[in-house]
Amino acid sequence: MSINEIIQSGAKVTLAVSLTDLQTWHKDVIRQTKEELEQTIKESQAETYLSPKATAEKLEVDPSTLHRWKVKGYLIPVEVGGKRRYRMSDINRILEGGKRA
């Protein structure tokens, strides 16, 4: 049984662990944490684009509001493949209560 398995089991035990085993466990924890953090960063940096309909639904506004926001410069769509789309990062900024950068 590994140190991680013992920890996850929640068992109340007293262990005698070799320094080598402790160092190995420590490196595994650091590696796993680093991989999880890198994946989170990668996912947050991947830009996705929503249609006007999906954007209006996500923001819970009428599609006409998207047009007014475009005129005011609050939420500007981009052309992707000849179609109007909205950046998910811009939508998230609005959902988080931020202002346009």
PDB file of N, CA and C in Angstrom:
ATOM      1  N   MET A   1       0.855  -1.173   0.000  1.00  0.00           N
ATOM      2  CA  MET A   1       0.000   0.000   0.000  1.00  0.00           C
ATOM      3  C   MET A   1       0.901   1.236   0.000  1.00  0.00           C
ATOM      4  N   SER A   2       0.560   2.210  -0.886  1.00  0.00           N
ATOM      5  CA  SER A   2       1.363   3.434  -0.975  1.00  0.00           C
ATOM      6  C   SER A   2       0.928   4.438   0.089  1.00  0.00           C
ATOM      7  N   ILE A   3       1.746   5.451   0.281  1.00  0.00           N
ATOM      8  CA  ILE A   3       1.425   6.503   1.245  1.00  0.00           C
ATOM      9  C   ILE A   3       0.119   7.192   0.843  1.00  0.00           C
ATOM     10  N   ASN A   4      -0.050   7.452  -0.466  1.00  0.00           N
ATOM     11  CA  ASN A   4      -1.283   8.083  -0.940  1.00  0.00           C
ATOM     12  C   ASN A   4      -2.501   7.237  -0.613  1.00  0.00           C
ATOM     13  N   GLU A   5      -2.409   5.946  -0.807  1.00  0.00           N
ATOM     14  CA  GLU A   5      -3.536   5.050  -0.522  1.00  0.00           C
ATOM     15  C   GLU A   5      -3.868   5.053   0.971  1.00  0.00           C
ATOM     16  N   ILE A   6      -2.855   5.088   1.799  1.00  0.00           N
ATOM     17  CA  ILE A   6      -3.077   5.133   3.252  1.00  0.00           C
ATOM     18  C   ILE A   6      -3.755   6.440   3.635  1.00  0.00           C
ATOM     19  N   ILE A   7      -3.280   7.555   3.062  1.00  0.00           N
ATOM     20  CA  ILE A   7      -3.866   8.870   3.354  1.00  0.00           C
ATOM     21  C   ILE A   7      -5.317   8.910   2.894  1.00  0.00           C
ATOM     22  N   GLN A   8      -5.578   8.424   1.687  1.00  0.00           N
ATOM     23  CA  GLN A   8      -6.930   8.463   1.135  1.00  0.00           C
ATOM     24  C   GLN A   8      -7.890   7.548   1.890  1.00  0.00           C
ATOM     25  N   SER A   9      -7.368   6.489   2.498  1.00  0.00           N
ATOM     26  CA  SER A   9      -8.234   5.561   3.236  1.00  0.00           C
ATOM     27  C   SER A   9      -8.759   6.191   4.523  1.00  0.00           C
ATOM     28  N   GLY A  10      -8.045   7.200   5.020  1.00  0.00           N
ATOM     29  CA  GLY A  10      -8.458   7.847   6.258  1.00  0.00           C
ATOM     30  C   GLY A  10      -8.144   7.021   7.500  1.00  0.00           C
ATOM     31  N   ALA A  11      -7.376   5.981   7.312  1.00  0.00           N
ATOM     32  CA  ALA A  11      -7.033   5.110   8.435  1.00  0.00           C
ATOM     33  C   ALA A  11      -6.171   5.859   9.447  1.00  0.00           C
ATOM     34  N   LYS A  12      -6.404   5.577  10.708  1.00  0.00           N
ATOM     35  CA  LYS A  12      -5.587   6.173  11.768  1.00  0.00           C
ATOM     36  C   LYS A  12      -4.519   5.152  12.124  1.00  0.00           C
ATOM     37  N   VAL A  13      -3.338   5.422  11.593  1.00  0.00           N
ATOM     38  CA  VAL A  13      -2.232   4.494  11.781  1.00  0.00           C
ATOM     39  C   VAL A  13      -0.967   5.260  12.116  1.00  0.00           C
ATOM     40  N   THR A  14      -0.013   4.555  12.686  1.00  0.00           N
ATOM     41  CA  THR A  14       1.314   5.095  12.913  1.00  0.00           C
ATOM     42  C   THR A  14       2.228   4.393  11.929  1.00  0.00           C
ATOM     43  N   LEU A  15       3.014   5.180  11.209  1.00  0.00           N
ATOM     44  CA  LEU A  15       3.865   4.616  10.173  1.00  0.00           C
ATOM     45  C   LEU A  15       5.333   4.886  10.452  1.00  0.00           C
ATOM     46  N   ALA A  16       6.115   3.950  10.037  1.00  0.00           N
ATOM     47  CA  ALA A  16       7.556   4.169   9.978  1.00  0.00           C
ATOM     48  C   ALA A  16       7.874   4.209   8.486  1.00  0.00           C
ATOM     49  N   VAL A  17       8.297   5.386   8.013  1.00  0.00           N
ATOM     50  CA  VAL A  17       8.525   5.576   6.587  1.00  0.00           C
ATOM     51  C   VAL A  17       9.991   5.891   6.370  1.00  0.00           C
ATOM     52  N   SER A  18      10.558   5.240   5.372  1.00  0.00           N
ATOM     53  CA  SER A  18      11.957   5.526   5.071  1.00  0.00           C
ATOM     54  C   SER A  18      12.058   6.893   4.403  1.00  0.00           C
ATOM     55  N   LEU A  19      13.213   7.495   4.534  1.00  0.00           N
ATOM     56  CA  LEU A  19      13.438   8.793   3.923  1.00  0.00           C
ATOM     57  C   LEU A  19      13.252   8.713   2.408  1.00  0.00           C
ATOM     58  N   THR A  20      13.696   7.629   1.816  1.00  0.00           N
ATOM     59  CA  THR A  20      13.557   7.445   0.369  1.00  0.00           C
ATOM     60  C   THR A  20      12.077   7.390  -0.030  1.00  0.00           C
ATOM     61  N   ASP A  21      11.269   6.656   0.729  1.00  0.00           N
ATOM     62  CA  ASP A  21       9.835   6.581   0.436  1.00  0.00           C
ATOM     63  C   ASP A  21       9.166   7.948   0.595  1.00  0.00           C
ATOM     64  N   LEU A  22       9.571   8.674   1.614  1.00  0.00           N
ATOM     65  CA  LEU A  22       8.997   9.996   1.848  1.00  0.00           C
ATOM     66  C   LEU A  22       9.372  10.950   0.723  1.00  0.00           C
ATOM     67  N   GLN A  23      10.604  10.897   0.262  1.00  0.00           N
ATOM     68  CA  GLN A  23      11.035  11.753  -0.846  1.00  0.00           C
ATOM     69  C   GLN A  23      10.299  11.384  -2.131  1.00  0.00           C
ATOM     70  N   THR A  24      10.113  10.108  -2.371  1.00  0.00           N
ATOM     71  CA  THR A  24       9.384   9.650  -3.556  1.00  0.00           C
ATOM     72  C   THR A  24       7.944  10.150  -3.510  1.00  0.00           C
ATOM     73  N   TRP A  25       7.298  10.016  -2.349  1.00  0.00           N
ATOM     74  CA  TRP A  25       5.924  10.483  -2.195  1.00  0.00           C
ATOM     75  C   TRP A  25       5.841  11.997  -2.418  1.00  0.00           C
ATOM     76  N   HIS A  26       6.792  12.715  -1.853  1.00  0.00           N
ATOM     77  CA  HIS A  26       6.833  14.170  -1.998  1.00  0.00           C
ATOM     78  C   HIS A  26       6.951  14.572  -3.464  1.00  0.00           C
ATOM     79  N   LYS A  27       7.838  13.913  -4.189  1.00  0.00           N
ATOM     80  CA  LYS A  27       8.009  14.208  -5.616  1.00  0.00           C
ATOM     81  C   LYS A  27       6.747  13.876  -6.398  1.00  0.00           C
ATOM     82  N   ASP A  28       6.074  12.787  -6.035  1.00  0.00           N
ATOM     83  CA  ASP A  28       4.818  12.415  -6.701  1.00  0.00           C
ATOM     84  C   ASP A  28       3.737  13.464  -6.473  1.00  0.00           C
ATOM     85  N   VAL A  29       3.649  13.983  -5.256  1.00  0.00           N
ATOM     86  CA  VAL A  29       2.656  15.013  -4.939  1.00  0.00           C
ATOM     87  C   VAL A  29       2.940  16.274  -5.744  1.00  0.00           C
ATOM     88  N   ILE A  30       4.197  16.670  -5.819  1.00  0.00           N
ATOM     89  CA  ILE A  30       4.575  17.858  -6.575  1.00  0.00           C
ATOM     90  C   ILE A  30       4.278  17.658  -8.060  1.00  0.00           C
ATOM     91  N   ARG A  31       4.631  16.501  -8.605  1.00  0.00           N
ATOM     92  CA  ARG A  31       4.387  16.208 -10.018  1.00  0.00           C
ATOM     93  C   ARG A  31       2.899  16.241 -10.331  1.00  0.00           C
ATOM     94  N   GLN A  32       2.092  15.595  -9.490  1.00  0.00           N
ATOM     95  CA  GLN A  32       0.652  15.538  -9.711  1.00  0.00           C
ATOM     96  C   GLN A  32       0.038  16.949  -9.626  1.00  0.00           C
ATOM     97  N   THR A  33       0.448  17.726  -8.655  1.00  0.00           N
ATOM     98  CA  THR A  33      -0.063  19.082  -8.500  1.00  0.00           C
ATOM     99  C   THR A  33       0.316  19.936  -9.696  1.00  0.00           C
ATOM    100  N   LYS A  34       1.549  19.791 -10.162  1.00  0.00           N
ATOM    101  CA  LYS A  34       2.014  20.545 -11.328  1.00  0.00           C
ATOM    102  C   LYS A  34       1.196  20.186 -12.561  1.00  0.00           C
ATOM    103  N   GLU A  35       0.933  18.899 -12.780  1.00  0.00           N
ATOM    104  CA  GLU A  35       0.146  18.461 -13.934  1.00  0.00           C
ATOM    105  C   GLU A  35      -1.276  19.010 -13.875  1.00  0.00           C
ATOM    106  N   GLU A  36      -1.868  18.990 -12.696  1.00  0.00           N
ATOM    107  CA  GLU A  36      -3.229  19.520 -12.532  1.00  0.00           C
ATOM    108  C   GLU A  36      -3.269  21.019 -12.795  1.00  0.00           C
ATOM    109  N   LEU A  37      -2.280  21.743 -12.298  1.00  0.00           N
ATOM    110  CA  LEU A  37      -2.205  23.180 -12.503  1.00  0.00           C
ATOM    111  C   LEU A  37      -1.984  23.518 -13.980  1.00  0.00           C
ATOM    112  N   GLU A  38      -1.097  22.783 -14.642  1.00  0.00           N
ATOM    113  CA  GLU A  38      -0.843  23.022 -16.063  1.00  0.00           C
ATOM    114  C   GLU A  38      -2.108  22.766 -16.884  1.00  0.00           C
ATOM    115  N   GLN A  39      -2.859  21.727 -16.540  1.00  0.00           N
ATOM    116  CA  GLN A  39      -4.098  21.417 -17.250  1.00  0.00           C
ATOM    117  C   GLN A  39      -5.125  22.530 -17.042  1.00  0.00           C
ATOM    118  N   THR A  40      -5.225  23.029 -15.835  1.00  0.00           N
ATOM    119  CA  THR A  40      -6.158  24.114 -15.535  1.00  0.00           C
ATOM    120  C   THR A  40      -5.796  25.359 -16.328  1.00  0.00           C
ATOM    121  N   ILE A  41      -4.515  25.683 -16.379  1.00  0.00           N
ATOM    122  CA  ILE A  41      -4.053  26.852 -17.140  1.00  0.00           C
ATOM    123  C   ILE A  41      -4.328  26.661 -18.618  1.00  0.00           C
ATOM    124  N   LYS A  42      -4.038  25.472 -19.135  1.00  0.00           N
ATOM    125  CA  LYS A  42      -4.257  25.180 -20.549  1.00  0.00           C
ATOM    126  C   LYS A  42      -5.731  25.325 -20.904  1.00  0.00           C
ATOM    127  N   GLU A  43      -6.609  24.809 -20.061  1.00  0.00           N
ATOM    128  CA  GLU A  43      -8.046  24.901 -20.321  1.00  0.00           C
ATOM    129  C   GLU A  43      -8.531  26.340 -20.265  1.00  0.00           C
ATOM    130  N   SER A  44      -7.981  27.121 -19.354  1.00  0.00           N
ATOM    131  CA  SER A  44      -8.427  28.505 -19.226  1.00  0.00           C
ATOM    132  C   SER A  44      -7.927  29.372 -20.381  1.00  0.00           C
ATOM    133  N   GLN A  45      -6.844  28.971 -21.020  1.00  0.00           N
ATOM    134  CA  GLN A  45      -6.285  29.747 -22.119  1.00  0.00           C
ATOM    135  C   GLN A  45      -6.889  29.378 -23.463  1.00  0.00           C
ATOM    136  N   ALA A  46      -7.547  28.240 -23.545  1.00  0.00           N
ATOM    137  CA  ALA A  46      -8.150  27.824 -24.801  1.00  0.00           C
ATOM    138  C   ALA A  46      -9.387  28.684 -25.051  1.00  0.00           C
ATOM    139  N   GLU A  47      -9.364  29.460 -26.103  1.00  0.00           N
ATOM    140  CA  GLU A  47     -10.478  30.355 -26.411  1.00  0.00           C
ATOM    141  C   GLU A  47     -11.555  29.600 -27.162  1.00  0.00           C
ATOM    142  N   THR A  48     -12.778  29.795 -26.748  1.00  0.00           N
ATOM    143  CA  THR A  48     -13.920  29.240 -27.454  1.00  0.00           C
ATOM    144  C   THR A  48     -14.830  30.397 -27.851  1.00  0.00           C
ATOM    145  N   TYR A  49     -15.684  30.143 -28.824  1.00  0.00           N
ATOM    146  CA  TYR A  49     -16.553  31.179 -29.363  1.00  0.00           C
ATOM    147  C   TYR A  49     -17.994  30.683 -29.364  1.00  0.00           C
ATOM    148  N   LEU A  50     -18.898  31.557 -28.945  1.00  0.00           N
ATOM    149  CA  LEU A  50     -20.311  31.204 -28.901  1.00  0.00           C
ATOM    150  C   LEU A  50     -21.086  31.989 -29.957  1.00  0.00           C
ATOM    151  N   SER A  51     -22.159  31.373 -30.429  1.00  0.00           N
ATOM    152  CA  SER A  51     -23.059  32.051 -31.360  1.00  0.00           C
ATOM    153  C   SER A  51     -23.804  33.146 -30.613  1.00  0.00           C
ATOM    154  N   PRO A  52     -24.413  34.085 -31.354  1.00  0.00           N
ATOM    155  CA  PRO A  52     -25.197  35.122 -30.677  1.00  0.00           C
ATOM    156  C   PRO A  52     -26.319  34.524 -29.810  1.00  0.00           C
ATOM    157  N   LYS A  53     -26.978  33.509 -30.306  1.00  0.00           N
ATOM    158  CA  LYS A  53     -28.064  32.892 -29.541  1.00  0.00           C
ATOM    159  C   LYS A  53     -27.533  32.282 -28.244  1.00  0.00           C
ATOM    160  N   ALA A  54     -26.443  31.523 -28.336  1.00  0.00           N
ATOM    161  CA  ALA A  54     -25.861  30.893 -27.147  1.00  0.00           C
ATOM    162  C   ALA A  54     -25.332  31.941 -26.168  1.00  0.00           C
ATOM    163  N   THR A  55     -24.797  33.025 -26.718  1.00  0.00           N
ATOM    164  CA  THR A  55     -24.276  34.106 -25.874  1.00  0.00           C
ATOM    165  C   THR A  55     -25.408  34.770 -25.094  1.00  0.00           C
ATOM    166  N   ALA A  56     -26.493  35.071 -25.801  1.00  0.00           N
ATOM    167  CA  ALA A  56     -27.646  35.695 -25.146  1.00  0.00           C
ATOM    168  C   ALA A  56     -28.199  34.786 -24.055  1.00  0.00           C
ATOM    169  N   GLU A  57     -28.257  33.490 -24.343  1.00  0.00           N
ATOM    170  CA  GLU A  57     -28.754  32.538 -23.341  1.00  0.00           C
ATOM    171  C   GLU A  57     -27.821  32.477 -22.134  1.00  0.00           C
ATOM    172  N   LYS A  58     -26.524  32.419 -22.394  1.00  0.00           N
ATOM    173  CA  LYS A  58     -25.547  32.323 -21.305  1.00  0.00           C
ATOM    174  C   LYS A  58     -25.592  33.562 -20.412  1.00  0.00           C
ATOM    175  N   LEU A  59     -25.737  34.722 -21.038  1.00  0.00           N
ATOM    176  CA  LEU A  59     -25.774  35.974 -20.285  1.00  0.00           C
ATOM    177  C   LEU A  59     -27.179  36.309 -19.787  1.00  0.00           C
ATOM    178  N   GLU A  60     -28.149  35.514 -20.203  1.00  0.00           N
ATOM    179  CA  GLU A  60     -29.550  35.720 -19.823  1.00  0.00           C
ATOM    180  C   GLU A  60     -30.033  37.108 -20.204  1.00  0.00           C
ATOM    181  N   VAL A  61     -29.762  37.481 -21.463  1.00  0.00           N
ATOM    182  CA  VAL A  61     -30.216  38.751 -21.998  1.00  0.00           C
ATOM    183  C   VAL A  61     -30.917  38.496 -23.326  1.00  0.00           C
ATOM    184  N   ASP A  62     -31.654  39.486 -23.783  1.00  0.00           N
ATOM    185  CA  ASP A  62     -32.300  39.416 -25.091  1.00  0.00           C
ATOM    186  C   ASP A  62     -31.233  39.636 -26.164  1.00  0.00           C
ATOM    187  N   PRO A  63     -31.355  38.980 -27.324  1.00  0.00           N
ATOM    188  CA  PRO A  63     -30.367  39.195 -28.395  1.00  0.00           C
ATOM    189  C   PRO A  63     -30.202  40.668 -28.777  1.00  0.00           C
ATOM    190  N   SER A  64     -31.253  41.476 -28.618  1.00  0.00           N
ATOM    191  CA  SER A  64     -31.131  42.909 -28.941  1.00  0.00           C
ATOM    192  C   SER A  64     -30.132  43.601 -28.004  1.00  0.00           C
ATOM    193  N   THR A  65     -29.985  43.071 -26.808  1.00  0.00           N
ATOM    194  CA  THR A  65     -29.013  43.623 -25.859  1.00  0.00           C
ATOM    195  C   THR A  65     -27.598  43.455 -26.396  1.00  0.00           C
ATOM    196  N   LEU A  66     -27.343  42.332 -27.053  1.00  0.00           N
ATOM    197  CA  LEU A  66     -26.013  42.103 -27.642  1.00  0.00           C
ATOM    198  C   LEU A  66     -25.707  43.175 -28.670  1.00  0.00           C
ATOM    199  N   HIS A  67     -26.703  43.551 -29.461  1.00  0.00           N
ATOM    200  CA  HIS A  67     -26.492  44.608 -30.458  1.00  0.00           C
ATOM    201  C   HIS A  67     -26.182  45.937 -29.772  1.00  0.00           C
ATOM    202  N   ARG A  68     -26.943  46.282 -28.728  1.00  0.00           N
ATOM    203  CA  ARG A  68     -26.682  47.536 -28.005  1.00  0.00           C
ATOM    204  C   ARG A  68     -25.288  47.527 -27.392  1.00  0.00           C
ATOM    205  N   TRP A  69     -24.888  46.385 -26.828  1.00  0.00           N
ATOM    206  CA  TRP A  69     -23.555  46.280 -26.229  1.00  0.00           C
ATOM    207  C   TRP A  69     -22.461  46.438 -27.284  1.00  0.00           C
ATOM    208  N   LYS A  70     -22.726  45.928 -28.497  1.00  0.00           N
ATOM    209  CA  LYS A  70     -21.750  46.083 -29.586  1.00  0.00           C
ATOM    210  C   LYS A  70     -21.589  47.566 -29.920  1.00  0.00           C
ATOM    211  N   VAL A  71     -22.710  48.281 -30.045  1.00  0.00           N
ATOM    212  CA  VAL A  71     -22.679  49.711 -30.370  1.00  0.00           C
ATOM    213  C   VAL A  71     -21.928  50.493 -29.296  1.00  0.00           C
ATOM    214  N   LYS A  72     -22.127  50.117 -28.039  1.00  0.00           N
ATOM    215  CA  LYS A  72     -21.463  50.809 -26.928  1.00  0.00           C
ATOM    216  C   LYS A  72     -20.017  50.360 -26.728  1.00  0.00           C
ATOM    217  N   GLY A  73     -19.608  49.276 -27.409  1.00  0.00           N
ATOM    218  CA  GLY A  73     -18.245  48.763 -27.258  1.00  0.00           C
ATOM    219  C   GLY A  73     -18.062  47.891 -26.025  1.00  0.00           C
ATOM    220  N   TYR A  74     -19.167  47.469 -25.417  1.00  0.00           N
ATOM    221  CA  TYR A  74     -19.105  46.663 -24.192  1.00  0.00           C
ATOM    222  C   TYR A  74     -18.804  45.194 -24.490  1.00  0.00           C
ATOM    223  N   LEU A  75     -19.405  44.662 -25.565  1.00  0.00           N
ATOM    224  CA  LEU A  75     -19.174  43.270 -25.972  1.00  0.00           C
ATOM    225  C   LEU A  75     -19.137  43.238 -27.488  1.00  0.00           C
ATOM    226  N   ILE A  76     -17.946  43.099 -28.016  1.00  0.00           N
ATOM    227  CA  ILE A  76     -17.736  43.160 -29.459  1.00  0.00           C
ATOM    228  C   ILE A  76     -17.618  41.740 -30.026  1.00  0.00           C
ATOM    229  N   PRO A  77     -18.455  41.391 -31.002  1.00  0.00           N
ATOM    230  CA  PRO A  77     -18.331  40.073 -31.622  1.00  0.00           C
ATOM    231  C   PRO A  77     -17.147  40.043 -32.595  1.00  0.00           C
ATOM    232  N   VAL A  78     -16.734  38.837 -32.944  1.00  0.00           N
ATOM    233  CA  VAL A  78     -15.685  38.656 -33.946  1.00  0.00           C
ATOM    234  C   VAL A  78     -16.270  37.819 -35.075  1.00  0.00           C
ATOM    235  N   GLU A  79     -15.657  37.916 -36.243  1.00  0.00           N
ATOM    236  CA  GLU A  79     -16.086  37.105 -37.368  1.00  0.00           C
ATOM    237  C   GLU A  79     -15.244  35.835 -37.407  1.00  0.00           C
ATOM    238  N   VAL A  80     -15.916  34.700 -37.327  1.00  0.00           N
ATOM    239  CA  VAL A  80     -15.236  33.409 -37.398  1.00  0.00           C
ATOM    240  C   VAL A  80     -15.915  32.614 -38.500  1.00  0.00           C
ATOM    241  N   GLY A  81     -15.194  32.352 -39.565  1.00  0.00           N
ATOM    242  CA  GLY A  81     -15.774  31.608 -40.678  1.00  0.00           C
ATOM    243  C   GLY A  81     -16.966  32.327 -41.287  1.00  0.00           C
ATOM    244  N   GLY A  82     -16.927  33.658 -41.307  1.00  0.00           N
ATOM    245  CA  GLY A  82     -18.002  34.438 -41.883  1.00  0.00           C
ATOM    246  C   GLY A  82     -19.228  34.570 -40.991  1.00  0.00           C
ATOM    247  N   LYS A  83     -19.123  34.109 -39.754  1.00  0.00           N
ATOM    248  CA  LYS A  83     -20.248  34.186 -38.821  1.00  0.00           C
ATOM    249  C   LYS A  83     -19.856  35.005 -37.603  1.00  0.00           C
ATOM    250  N   ARG A  84     -20.843  35.674 -37.034  1.00  0.00           N
ATOM    251  CA  ARG A  84     -20.609  36.476 -35.835  1.00  0.00           C
ATOM    252  C   ARG A  84     -20.536  35.547 -34.626  1.00  0.00           C
ATOM    253  N   ARG A  85     -19.454  35.707 -33.855  1.00  0.00           N
ATOM    254  CA  ARG A  85     -19.266  34.896 -32.653  1.00  0.00           C
ATOM    255  C   ARG A  85     -18.748  35.780 -31.529  1.00  0.00           C
ATOM    256  N   TYR A  86     -18.959  35.307 -30.298  1.00  0.00           N
ATOM    257  CA  TYR A  86     -18.512  36.038 -29.115  1.00  0.00           C
ATOM    258  C   TYR A  86     -17.484  35.209 -28.361  1.00  0.00           C
ATOM    259  N   ARG A  87     -16.397  35.858 -27.959  1.00  0.00           N
ATOM    260  CA  ARG A  87     -15.339  35.162 -27.222  1.00  0.00           C
ATOM    261  C   ARG A  87     -15.842  34.771 -25.833  1.00  0.00           C
ATOM    262  N   MET A  88     -15.576  33.529 -25.463  1.00  0.00           N
ATOM    263  CA  MET A  88     -15.969  33.061 -24.139  1.00  0.00           C
ATOM    264  C   MET A  88     -15.256  33.857 -23.054  1.00  0.00           C
ATOM    265  N   SER A  89     -14.030  34.289 -23.310  1.00  0.00           N
ATOM    266  CA  SER A  89     -13.301  35.083 -22.316  1.00  0.00           C
ATOM    267  C   SER A  89     -14.011  36.409 -22.060  1.00  0.00           C
ATOM    268  N   ASP A  90     -14.597  37.027 -23.114  1.00  0.00           N
ATOM    269  CA  ASP A  90     -15.351  38.265 -22.937  1.00  0.00           C
ATOM    270  C   ASP A  90     -16.641  38.006 -22.163  1.00  0.00           C
ATOM    271  N   ILE A  91     -17.287  36.896 -22.458  1.00  0.00           N
ATOM    272  CA  ILE A  91     -18.525  36.531 -21.768  1.00  0.00           C
ATOM    273  C   ILE A  91     -18.240  36.286 -20.288  1.00  0.00           C
ATOM    274  N   ASN A  92     -17.167  35.570 -20.003  1.00  0.00           N
ATOM    275  CA  ASN A  92     -16.796  35.304 -18.600  1.00  0.00           C
ATOM    276  C   ASN A  92     -16.484  36.594 -17.858  1.00  0.00           C
ATOM    277  N   ARG A  93     -15.851  37.541 -18.538  1.00  0.00           N
ATOM    278  CA  ARG A  93     -15.548  38.835 -17.923  1.00  0.00           C
ATOM    279  C   ARG A  93     -16.830  39.524 -17.488  1.00  0.00           C
ATOM    280  N   ILE A  94     -17.842  39.481 -18.341  1.00  0.00           N
ATOM    281  CA  ILE A  94     -19.127  40.098 -17.993  1.00  0.00           C
ATOM    282  C   ILE A  94     -19.777  39.344 -16.853  1.00  0.00           C
ATOM    283  N   LEU A  95     -19.747  38.026 -16.897  1.00  0.00           N
ATOM    284  CA  LEU A  95     -20.350  37.226 -15.837  1.00  0.00           C
ATOM    285  C   LEU A  95     -19.672  37.457 -14.494  1.00  0.00           C
ATOM    286  N   GLU A  96     -18.383  37.762 -14.523  1.00  0.00           N
ATOM    287  CA  GLU A  96     -17.637  38.012 -13.289  1.00  0.00           C
ATOM    288  C   GLU A  96     -17.772  39.463 -12.837  1.00  0.00           C
ATOM    289  N   GLY A  97     -18.498  40.277 -13.621  1.00  0.00           N
ATOM    290  CA  GLY A  97     -18.732  41.659 -13.237  1.00  0.00           C
ATOM    291  C   GLY A  97     -17.612  42.599 -13.616  1.00  0.00           C
ATOM    292  N   GLY A  98     -16.719  42.140 -14.503  1.00  0.00           N
ATOM    293  CA  GLY A  98     -15.601  42.987 -14.908  1.00  0.00           C
ATOM    294  C   GLY A  98     -15.970  43.955 -15.999  1.00  0.00           C
ATOM    295  N   LYS A  99     -15.073  44.851 -16.272  1.00  0.00           N
ATOM    296  CA  LYS A  99     -15.272  45.827 -17.340  1.00  0.00           C
ATOM    297  C   LYS A  99     -14.389  45.459 -18.509  1.00  0.00           C
ATOM    298  N   ARG A 100     -14.711  46.007 -19.640  1.00  0.00           N
ATOM    299  CA  ARG A 100     -13.949  45.739 -20.858  1.00  0.00           C
ATOM    300  C   ARG A 100     -12.524  46.251 -20.695  1.00  0.00           C
ATOM    301  N   ALA A 101     -11.578  45.402 -21.094  1.00  0.00           N
ATOM    302  CA  ALA A 101     -10.163  45.779 -20.977  1.00  0.00           C
ATOM    303  C   ALA A 101      -9.781  46.786 -22.031  1.00  0.00           C
TER     304      ALA A 101
END
